[in-house]
All heavy atoms as atom14 arrays in JSON, in Angstrom:
{
  "sequence": "IIEAIIKKALNFESLTKYTAIAETVGNNMQTNLRMRDMTAIA",
  "atom14_mask": [
    [1, 1, 1, 1, 1, 1, 1, 1, 0, 0, 0, 0, 0, 0],
    [1, 1, 1, 1, 1, 1, 1, 1, 0, 0, 0, 0, 0, 0],
    [1, 1, 1, 1, 1, 1, 1, 1, 1, 0, 0, 0, 0, 0],
    [1, 1, 1, 1, 1, 0, 0, 0, 0, 0, 0, 0, 0, 0],
    [1, 1, 1, 1, 1, 1, 1, 1, 0, 0, 0, 0, 0, 0],
    [1, 1, 1, 1, 1, 1, 1, 1, 0, 0, 0, 0, 0, 0],
    [1, 1, 1, 1, 1, 1, 1, 1, 1, 0, 0, 0, 0, 0],
    [1, 1, 1, 1, 1, 1, 1, 1, 1, 0, 0, 0, 0, 0],
    [1, 1, 1, 1, 1, 0, 0, 0, 0, 0, 0, 0, 0, 0],
    [1, 1, 1, 1, 1, 1, 1, 1, 0, 0, 0, 0, 0, 0],
    [1, 1, 1, 1, 1, 1, 1, 1, 0, 0, 0, 0, 0, 0],
    [1, 1, 1, 1, 1, 1, 1, 1, 1, 1, 1, 0, 0, 0],
    [1, 1, 1, 1, 1, 1, 1, 1, 1, 0, 0, 0, 0, 0],
    [1, 1, 1, 1, 1, 1, 0, 0, 0, 0, 0, 0, 0, 0],
    [1, 1, 1, 1, 1, 1, 1, 1, 0, 0, 0, 0, 0, 0],
    [1, 1, 1, 1, 1, 1, 1, 0, 0, 0, 0, 0, 0, 0],
    [1, 1, 1, 1, 1, 1, 1, 1, 1, 0, 0, 0, 0, 0],
    [1, 1, 1, 1, 1, 1, 1, 1, 1, 1, 1, 1, 0, 0],
    [1, 1, 1, 1, 1, 1, 1, 0, 0, 0, 0, 0, 0, 0],
    [1, 1, 1, 1, 1, 0, 0, 0, 0, 0, 0, 0, 0, 0],
    [1, 1, 1, 1, 1, 1, 1, 1, 0, 0, 0, 0, 0, 0],
    [1, 1, 1, 1, 1, 0, 0, 0, 0, 0, 0, 0, 0, 0],
    [1, 1, 1, 1, 1, 1, 1, 1, 1, 0, 0, 0, 0, 0],
    [1, 1, 1, 1, 1, 1, 1, 0, 0, 0, 0, 0, 0, 0],
    [1, 1, 1, 1, 1, 1, 1, 0, 0, 0, 0, 0, 0, 0],
    [1, 1, 1, 1, 0, 0, 0, 0, 0, 0, 0, 0, 0, 0],
    [1, 1, 1, 1, 1, 1, 1, 1, 0, 0, 0, 0, 0, 0],
    [1, 1, 1, 1, 1, 1, 1, 1, 0, 0, 0, 0, 0, 0],
    [1, 1, 1, 1, 1, 1, 1, 1, 0, 0, 0, 0, 0, 0],
    [1, 1, 1, 1, 1, 1, 1, 1, 1, 0, 0, 0, 0, 0],
    [1, 1, 1, 1, 1, 1, 1, 0, 0, 0, 0, 0, 0, 0],
    [1, 1, 1, 1, 1, 1, 1, 1, 0, 0, 0, 0, 0, 0],
    [1, 1, 1, 1, 1, 1, 1, 1, 0, 0, 0, 0, 0, 0],
    [1, 1, 1, 1, 1, 1, 1, 1, 1, 1, 1, 0, 0, 0],
    [1, 1, 1, 1, 1, 1, 1, 1, 0, 0, 0, 0, 0, 0],
    [1, 1, 1, 1, 1, 1, 1, 1, 1, 1, 1, 0, 0, 0],
    [1, 1, 1, 1, 1, 1, 1, 1, 0, 0, 0, 0, 0, 0],
    [1, 1, 1, 1, 1, 1, 1, 1, 0, 0, 0, 0, 0, 0],
    [1, 1, 1, 1, 1, 1, 1, 0, 0, 0, 0, 0, 0, 0],
    [1, 1, 1, 1, 1, 0, 0, 0, 0, 0, 0, 0, 0, 0],
    [1, 1, 1, 1, 1, 1, 1, 1, 0, 0, 0, 0, 0, 0],
    [1, 1, 1, 1, 1, 0, 0, 0, 0, 0, 0, 0, 0, 0]
  ],
  "atom14_positions": [
    [[0.84, -1.2, -0.04], [-0.04, 0.08, -0.05], [0.87, 1.12, -0.02], [0.57, 2.23, -0.66], [-1.07, 0.01, 1.28], [-1.97, -1.06, 1.03], [-1.53, 1.4, 1.43], [-2.93, -1.34, 2.17], [0.0, 0.0, 0.0], [0.0, 0.0, 0.0], [0.0, 0.0, 0.0], [0.0, 0.0, 0.0], [0.0, 0.0, 0.0], [0.0, 0.0, 0.0]],
    [[1.93, 1.2, 0.72], [2.86, 2.39, 0.74], [3.45, 2.6, -0.58], [3.6, 3.62, -1.04], [3.97, 2.2, 1.79], [3.4, 2.36, 3.25], [5.18, 3.17, 1.57], [4.47, 1.93, 4.28], [0.0, 0.0, 0.0], [0.0, 0.0, 0.0], [0.0, 0.0, 0.0], [0.0, 0.0, 0.0], [0.0, 0.0, 0.0], [0.0, 0.0, 0.0]],
    [[3.75, 1.36, -1.22], [4.31, 1.62, -2.62], [3.43, 2.13, -3.58], [3.73, 2.9, -4.44], [4.75, 0.11, -3.14], [5.26, -0.01, -4.5], [5.7, -1.41, -4.95], [5.67, -2.31, -3.92], [5.81, -1.66, -6.01], [0.0, 0.0, 0.0], [0.0, 0.0, 0.0], [0.0, 0.0, 0.0], [0.0, 0.0, 0.0], [0.0, 0.0, 0.0]],
    [[2.07, 1.75, -3.53], [1.06, 2.28, -4.34], [0.91, 3.84, -4.06], [0.67, 4.55, -5.03], [-0.27, 1.63, -4.09], [0.0, 0.0, 0.0], [0.0, 0.0, 0.0], [0.0, 0.0, 0.0], [0.0, 0.0, 0.0], [0.0, 0.0, 0.0], [0.0, 0.0, 0.0], [0.0, 0.0, 0.0], [0.0, 0.0, 0.0], [0.0, 0.0, 0.0]],
    [[1.05, 4.3, -2.85], [0.88, 5.62, -2.47], [1.94, 6.49, -3.13], [1.77, 7.5, -3.77], [0.85, 5.78, -0.94], [-0.41, 5.28, -0.47], [1.02, 7.35, -0.64], [-0.53, 5.3, 1.15], [0.0, 0.0, 0.0], [0.0, 0.0, 0.0], [0.0, 0.0, 0.0], [0.0, 0.0, 0.0], [0.0, 0.0, 0.0], [0.0, 0.0, 0.0]],
    [[3.29, 5.93, -3.07], [4.47, 6.45, -3.51], [4.36, 6.75, -5.02], [4.44, 7.89, -5.64], [5.77, 5.71, -3.34], [6.12, 5.78, -1.7], [6.95, 6.21, -3.99], [7.22, 4.85, -1.33], [0.0, 0.0, 0.0], [0.0, 0.0, 0.0], [0.0, 0.0, 0.0], [0.0, 0.0, 0.0], [0.0, 0.0, 0.0], [0.0, 0.0, 0.0]],
    [[3.79, 5.61, -5.8], [3.65, 5.83, -7.16], [2.58, 6.78, -7.54], [2.82, 7.62, -8.49], [3.26, 4.42, -7.83], [4.35, 3.45, -7.7], [3.89, 2.12, -8.45], [5.06, 1.12, -8.65], [4.67, -0.14, -9.25], [0.0, 0.0, 0.0], [0.0, 0.0, 0.0], [0.0, 0.0, 0.0], [0.0, 0.0, 0.0], [0.0, 0.0, 0.0]],
    [[1.41, 6.85, -6.84], [0.43, 7.77, -7.28], [0.92, 9.17, -6.87], [0.6, 10.1, -7.67], [-0.8, 7.43, -6.37], [-2.03, 8.24, -6.81], [-2.45, 7.86, -8.26], [-3.69, 8.52, -8.69], [-5.1, 8.07, -7.86], [0.0, 0.0, 0.0], [0.0, 0.0, 0.0], [0.0, 0.0, 0.0], [0.0, 0.0, 0.0], [0.0, 0.0, 0.0]],
    [[1.71, 9.47, -5.73], [2.09, 10.78, -5.4], [3.15, 11.28, -6.45], [3.2, 12.52, -6.65], [2.63, 10.65, -4.02], [0.0, 0.0, 0.0], [0.0, 0.0, 0.0], [0.0, 0.0, 0.0], [0.0, 0.0, 0.0], [0.0, 0.0, 0.0], [0.0, 0.0, 0.0], [0.0, 0.0, 0.0], [0.0, 0.0, 0.0], [0.0, 0.0, 0.0]],
    [[3.85, 10.38, -6.98], [4.89, 10.86, -7.9], [4.35, 11.2, -9.35], [5.01, 11.78, -10.16], [5.93, 9.75, -8.23], [6.93, 9.48, -6.99], [7.84, 8.29, -7.3], [7.77, 10.73, -6.63], [0.0, 0.0, 0.0], [0.0, 0.0, 0.0], [0.0, 0.0, 0.0], [0.0, 0.0, 0.0], [0.0, 0.0, 0.0], [0.0, 0.0, 0.0]],
    [[3.04, 10.85, -9.55], [2.38, 11.14, -10.79], [2.09, 12.66, -10.85], [1.83, 13.39, -9.92], [1.04, 10.46, -10.79], [0.27, 10.54, -12.1], [0.13, 11.58, -12.73], [-0.12, 9.42, -12.65], [0.0, 0.0, 0.0], [0.0, 0.0, 0.0], [0.0, 0.0, 0.0], [0.0, 0.0, 0.0], [0.0, 0.0, 0.0], [0.0, 0.0, 0.0]],
    [[2.48, 13.17, -11.93], [2.39, 14.73, -12.2], [1.03, 15.22, -11.83], [0.8, 16.35, -11.49], [2.74, 15.08, -13.61], [2.78, 16.53, -13.86], [4.01, 17.3, -13.33], [1.79, 17.2, -14.49], [3.93, 18.74, -13.55], [1.84, 18.54, -14.73], [2.94, 19.34, -14.23], [0.0, 0.0, 0.0], [0.0, 0.0, 0.0], [0.0, 0.0, 0.0]],
    [[-0.06, 14.41, -12.11], [-1.42, 14.98, -11.85], [-1.62, 15.06, -10.42], [-2.69, 15.84, -10.08], [-2.41, 13.85, -12.57], [-2.38, 13.69, -13.96], [-3.26, 12.63, -14.46], [-3.98, 12.01, -13.68], [-3.34, 12.51, -15.79], [0.0, 0.0, 0.0], [0.0, 0.0, 0.0], [0.0, 0.0, 0.0], [0.0, 0.0, 0.0], [0.0, 0.0, 0.0]],
    [[-0.89, 14.52, -9.51], [-0.99, 14.6, -8.08], [-0.44, 16.0, -7.49], [-0.76, 16.33, -6.39], [-0.43, 13.45, -7.39], [-0.99, 12.27, -7.78], [0.0, 0.0, 0.0], [0.0, 0.0, 0.0], [0.0, 0.0, 0.0], [0.0, 0.0, 0.0], [0.0, 0.0, 0.0], [0.0, 0.0, 0.0], [0.0, 0.0, 0.0], [0.0, 0.0, 0.0]],
    [[0.23, 16.69, -8.45], [1.01, 17.86, -7.97], [-0.03, 18.96, -7.36], [0.36, 19.52, -6.27], [1.63, 18.53, -9.18], [2.72, 19.73, -8.83], [3.77, 19.22, -7.86], [3.23, 20.28, -10.07], [0.0, 0.0, 0.0], [0.0, 0.0, 0.0], [0.0, 0.0, 0.0], [0.0, 0.0, 0.0], [0.0, 0.0, 0.0], [0.0, 0.0, 0.0]],
    [[-1.17, 19.14, -7.9], [-2.05, 20.11, -7.36], [-2.65, 19.81, -6.05], [-3.29, 20.59, -5.27], [-3.17, 20.42, -8.33], [-3.91, 19.17, -8.64], [-2.61, 20.96, -9.74], [0.0, 0.0, 0.0], [0.0, 0.0, 0.0], [0.0, 0.0, 0.0], [0.0, 0.0, 0.0], [0.0, 0.0, 0.0], [0.0, 0.0, 0.0], [0.0, 0.0, 0.0]],
    [[-2.54, 18.49, -5.64], [-3.13, 17.96, -4.38], [-2.11, 18.12, -3.22], [-2.42, 17.72, -2.14], [-3.65, 16.42, -4.59], [-4.69, 16.5, -5.76], [-4.86, 15.02, -6.17], [-5.81, 14.98, -7.33], [-5.94, 13.63, -7.78], [0.0, 0.0, 0.0], [0.0, 0.0, 0.0], [0.0, 0.0, 0.0], [0.0, 0.0, 0.0], [0.0, 0.0, 0.0]],
    [[-0.8, 18.43, -3.51], [0.16, 18.37, -2.4], [-0.14, 19.23, -1.25], [0.16, 18.94, -0.16], [1.59, 18.76, -3.07], [2.08, 17.77, -3.94], [3.36, 17.87, -4.57], [1.56, 16.46, -3.94], [4.03, 16.93, -5.27], [2.08, 15.43, -4.83], [3.24, 15.71, -5.4], [3.91, 14.64, -6.24], [0.0, 0.0, 0.0], [0.0, 0.0, 0.0]],
    [[-0.77, 20.49, -1.49], [-1.06, 21.34, -0.27], [-1.98, 20.63, 0.63], [-1.78, 20.64, 1.83], [-1.7, 22.69, -0.92], [-0.68, 23.34, -1.74], [-2.0, 23.61, 0.35], [0.0, 0.0, 0.0], [0.0, 0.0, 0.0], [0.0, 0.0, 0.0], [0.0, 0.0, 0.0], [0.0, 0.0, 0.0], [0.0, 0.0, 0.0], [0.0, 0.0, 0.0]],
    [[-3.11, 20.09, 0.14], [-3.98, 19.37, 1.07], [-3.4, 18.23, 1.65], [-3.59, 17.94, 2.77], [-5.25, 18.94, 0.14], [0.0, 0.0, 0.0], [0.0, 0.0, 0.0], [0.0, 0.0, 0.0], [0.0, 0.0, 0.0], [0.0, 0.0, 0.0], [0.0, 0.0, 0.0], [0.0, 0.0, 0.0], [0.0, 0.0, 0.0], [0.0, 0.0, 0.0]],
    [[-2.46, 17.47, 0.95], [-1.86, 16.26, 1.54], [-0.93, 16.74, 2.57], [-0.73, 16.1, 3.73], [-0.98, 15.52, 0.37], [-1.96, 14.89, -0.57], [-0.07, 14.47, 0.94], [-1.3, 14.31, -1.75], [0.0, 0.0, 0.0], [0.0, 0.0, 0.0], [0.0, 0.0, 0.0], [0.0, 0.0, 0.0], [0.0, 0.0, 0.0], [0.0, 0.0, 0.0]],
    [[-0.13, 17.84, 2.31], [0.83, 18.37, 3.36], [0.1, 18.74, 4.72], [0.54, 18.49, 5.81], [1.45, 19.6, 2.85], [0.0, 0.0, 0.0], [0.0, 0.0, 0.0], [0.0, 0.0, 0.0], [0.0, 0.0, 0.0], [0.0, 0.0, 0.0], [0.0, 0.0, 0.0], [0.0, 0.0, 0.0], [0.0, 0.0, 0.0], [0.0, 0.0, 0.0]],
    [[-1.23, 19.34, 4.52], [-1.94, 19.65, 5.64], [-2.34, 18.49, 6.49], [-2.3, 18.27, 7.71], [-3.18, 20.42, 5.24], [-2.75, 21.89, 4.77], [-3.96, 22.64, 4.3], [-4.98, 21.97, 4.14], [-3.76, 23.8, 3.81], [0.0, 0.0, 0.0], [0.0, 0.0, 0.0], [0.0, 0.0, 0.0], [0.0, 0.0, 0.0], [0.0, 0.0, 0.0]],
    [[-2.78, 17.35, 5.69], [-3.19, 16.06, 6.24], [-2.01, 15.53, 7.1], [-2.08, 15.06, 8.23], [-3.72, 15.19, 5.15], [-4.8, 15.7, 4.59], [-4.01, 13.79, 5.78], [0.0, 0.0, 0.0], [0.0, 0.0, 0.0], [0.0, 0.0, 0.0], [0.0, 0.0, 0.0], [0.0, 0.0, 0.0], [0.0, 0.0, 0.0], [0.0, 0.0, 0.0]],
    [[-0.9, 15.42, 6.41], [0.25, 14.79, 6.98], [0.8, 15.54, 8.21], [1.04, 15.03, 9.22], [1.53, 14.89, 5.89], [2.84, 14.35, 6.62], [1.22, 13.77, 4.91], [0.0, 0.0, 0.0], [0.0, 0.0, 0.0], [0.0, 0.0, 0.0], [0.0, 0.0, 0.0], [0.0, 0.0, 0.0], [0.0, 0.0, 0.0], [0.0, 0.0, 0.0]],
    [[0.76, 16.99, 8.15], [1.21, 17.72, 9.25], [0.39, 17.56, 10.53], [0.85, 17.72, 11.58], [0.0, 0.0, 0.0], [0.0, 0.0, 0.0], [0.0, 0.0, 0.0], [0.0, 0.0, 0.0], [0.0, 0.0, 0.0], [0.0, 0.0, 0.0], [0.0, 0.0, 0.0], [0.0, 0.0, 0.0], [0.0, 0.0, 0.0], [0.0, 0.0, 0.0]],
    [[-0.95, 17.27, 10.23], [-1.83, 17.07, 11.33], [-1.69, 15.7, 11.94], [-2.33, 15.37, 12.97], [-3.24, 17.38, 11.01], [-3.57, 18.87, 10.73], [-2.78, 19.66, 11.42], [-4.36, 19.19, 9.84], [0.0, 0.0, 0.0], [0.0, 0.0, 0.0], [0.0, 0.0, 0.0], [0.0, 0.0, 0.0], [0.0, 0.0, 0.0], [0.0, 0.0, 0.0]],
    [[-1.19, 14.82, 11.31], [-1.12, 13.29, 11.74], [0.12, 12.62, 11.61], [0.27, 11.51, 11.67], [-2.13, 12.48, 10.76], [-3.53, 12.99, 10.93], [-4.27, 12.57, 11.88], [-4.02, 13.88, 9.98], [0.0, 0.0, 0.0], [0.0, 0.0, 0.0], [0.0, 0.0, 0.0], [0.0, 0.0, 0.0], [0.0, 0.0, 0.0], [0.0, 0.0, 0.0]],
    [[1.26, 13.51, 11.7], [2.62, 12.98, 11.52], [3.58, 13.59, 12.65], [3.43, 14.75, 13.03], [3.3, 13.02, 10.22], [4.57, 12.38, 9.99], [5.27, 12.7, 8.35], [5.53, 14.45, 8.33], [0.0, 0.0, 0.0], [0.0, 0.0, 0.0], [0.0, 0.0, 0.0], [0.0, 0.0, 0.0], [0.0, 0.0, 0.0], [0.0, 0.0, 0.0]],
    [[4.62, 12.81, 13.12], [5.55, 13.31, 13.8], [6.89, 12.73, 13.25], [6.91, 11.47, 12.99], [5.49, 12.79, 15.36], [6.44, 13.66, 16.24], [6.0, 13.44, 17.69], [4.95, 14.03, 18.18], [6.68, 12.56, 18.42], [0.0, 0.0, 0.0], [0.0, 0.0, 0.0], [0.0, 0.0, 0.0], [0.0, 0.0, 0.0], [0.0, 0.0, 0.0]],
    [[7.92, 13.52, 13.01], [9.03, 13.14, 12.38], [10.26, 13.94, 12.65], [10.2, 15.15, 13.06], [8.8, 13.11, 10.84], [9.94, 12.64, 10.05], [8.62, 14.61, 10.32], [0.0, 0.0, 0.0], [0.0, 0.0, 0.0], [0.0, 0.0, 0.0], [0.0, 0.0, 0.0], [0.0, 0.0, 0.0], [0.0, 0.0, 0.0], [0.0, 0.0, 0.0]],
    [[11.48, 13.47, 12.4], [12.73, 14.29, 12.49], [13.16, 14.71, 11.08], [14.36, 15.1, 10.9], [13.75, 13.6, 13.15], [14.22, 12.27, 12.52], [13.51, 11.68, 11.68], [15.44, 11.75, 12.9], [0.0, 0.0, 0.0], [0.0, 0.0, 0.0], [0.0, 0.0, 0.0], [0.0, 0.0, 0.0], [0.0, 0.0, 0.0], [0.0, 0.0, 0.0]],
    [[12.35, 14.65, 10.1], [12.6, 15.03, 8.72], [12.17, 16.61, 8.71], [11.03, 16.91, 9.03], [11.79, 14.4, 7.75], [12.36, 13.09, 7.25], [11.15, 12.36, 6.51], [13.52, 13.19, 6.28], [0.0, 0.0, 0.0], [0.0, 0.0, 0.0], [0.0, 0.0, 0.0], [0.0, 0.0, 0.0], [0.0, 0.0, 0.0], [0.0, 0.0, 0.0]],
    [[13.16, 17.44, 8.14], [12.84, 18.84, 7.75], [12.34, 18.91, 6.39], [12.57, 17.95, 5.59], [14.08, 19.76, 8.04], [14.43, 19.86, 9.55], [13.52, 20.77, 10.27], [14.09, 21.02, 11.62], [13.51, 21.83, 12.47], [12.33, 22.29, 12.23], [14.17, 22.16, 13.67], [0.0, 0.0, 0.0], [0.0, 0.0, 0.0], [0.0, 0.0, 0.0]],
    [[11.77, 20.04, 6.03], [11.35, 20.19, 4.52], [12.6, 20.16, 3.77], [12.55, 19.51, 2.63], [10.68, 21.49, 4.42], [10.26, 21.81, 3.16], [8.94, 20.56, 2.56], [8.78, 20.97, 0.74], [0.0, 0.0, 0.0], [0.0, 0.0, 0.0], [0.0, 0.0, 0.0], [0.0, 0.0, 0.0], [0.0, 0.0, 0.0], [0.0, 0.0, 0.0]],
    [[13.71, 20.64, 4.12], [15.02, 20.59, 3.24], [15.39, 19.18, 3.09], [15.83, 18.73, 2.03], [16.1, 21.39, 3.87], [16.55, 20.86, 5.23], [17.69, 21.68, 5.8], [18.15, 21.32, 7.13], [17.72, 21.79, 8.25], [16.8, 22.74, 8.19], [18.1, 21.38, 9.47], [0.0, 0.0, 0.0], [0.0, 0.0, 0.0], [0.0, 0.0, 0.0]],
    [[15.18, 18.23, 4.08], [15.47, 16.85, 3.93], [14.61, 16.14, 2.94], [15.12, 15.41, 2.06], [15.38, 16.16, 5.3], [16.31, 16.65, 6.48], [17.34, 17.1, 5.99], [15.85, 16.92, 7.4], [0.0, 0.0, 0.0], [0.0, 0.0, 0.0], [0.0, 0.0, 0.0], [0.0, 0.0, 0.0], [0.0, 0.0, 0.0], [0.0, 0.0, 0.0]],
    [[13.26, 16.42, 2.99], [12.33, 15.83, 2.04], [12.58, 16.4, 0.58], [12.57, 15.52, -0.4], [10.97, 16.24, 2.39], [10.49, 15.53, 3.75], [8.78, 15.9, 4.02], [8.47, 15.05, 5.59], [0.0, 0.0, 0.0], [0.0, 0.0, 0.0], [0.0, 0.0, 0.0], [0.0, 0.0, 0.0], [0.0, 0.0, 0.0], [0.0, 0.0, 0.0]],
    [[13.08, 17.66, 0.43], [13.34, 18.13, -0.87], [14.68, 17.46, -1.36], [14.7, 17.08, -2.51], [13.61, 19.64, -0.72], [12.5, 20.35, -0.19], [13.97, 20.2, -2.15], [0.0, 0.0, 0.0], [0.0, 0.0, 0.0], [0.0, 0.0, 0.0], [0.0, 0.0, 0.0], [0.0, 0.0, 0.0], [0.0, 0.0, 0.0], [0.0, 0.0, 0.0]],
    [[15.64, 17.24, -0.54], [16.84, 16.46, -1.02], [16.46, 15.06, -1.47], [17.02, 14.58, -2.35], [17.87, 16.49, 0.03], [0.0, 0.0, 0.0], [0.0, 0.0, 0.0], [0.0, 0.0, 0.0], [0.0, 0.0, 0.0], [0.0, 0.0, 0.0], [0.0, 0.0, 0.0], [0.0, 0.0, 0.0], [0.0, 0.0, 0.0], [0.0, 0.0, 0.0]],
    [[15.59, 14.34, -0.65], [15.23, 12.98, -0.91], [14.48, 12.97, -2.28], [14.64, 12.08, -2.94], [14.36, 12.41, 0.11], [15.27, 12.22, 1.43], [13.72, 11.13, -0.28], [14.53, 11.99, 2.73], [0.0, 0.0, 0.0], [0.0, 0.0, 0.0], [0.0, 0.0, 0.0], [0.0, 0.0, 0.0], [0.0, 0.0, 0.0], [0.0, 0.0, 0.0]],
    [[13.63, 14.0, -2.63], [12.86, 14.06, -3.79], [13.76, 14.18, -5.0], [13.39, 13.98, -6.12], [11.93, 15.2, -3.72], [0.0, 0.0, 0.0], [0.0, 0.0, 0.0], [0.0, 0.0, 0.0], [0.0, 0.0, 0.0], [0.0, 0.0, 0.0], [0.0, 0.0, 0.0], [0.0, 0.0, 0.0], [0.0, 0.0, 0.0], [0.0, 0.0, 0.0]]
  ]
}
């Protein structure tokens, strides 16, 4: 399921949904990843 989420999220059509996804993740996640780390991983 995680693999399927990754594939769908990498689809260009999902780009416009990133703000809503970020809000969802921000409200339901705890992590030691900074935005700069995620950008580097991307």
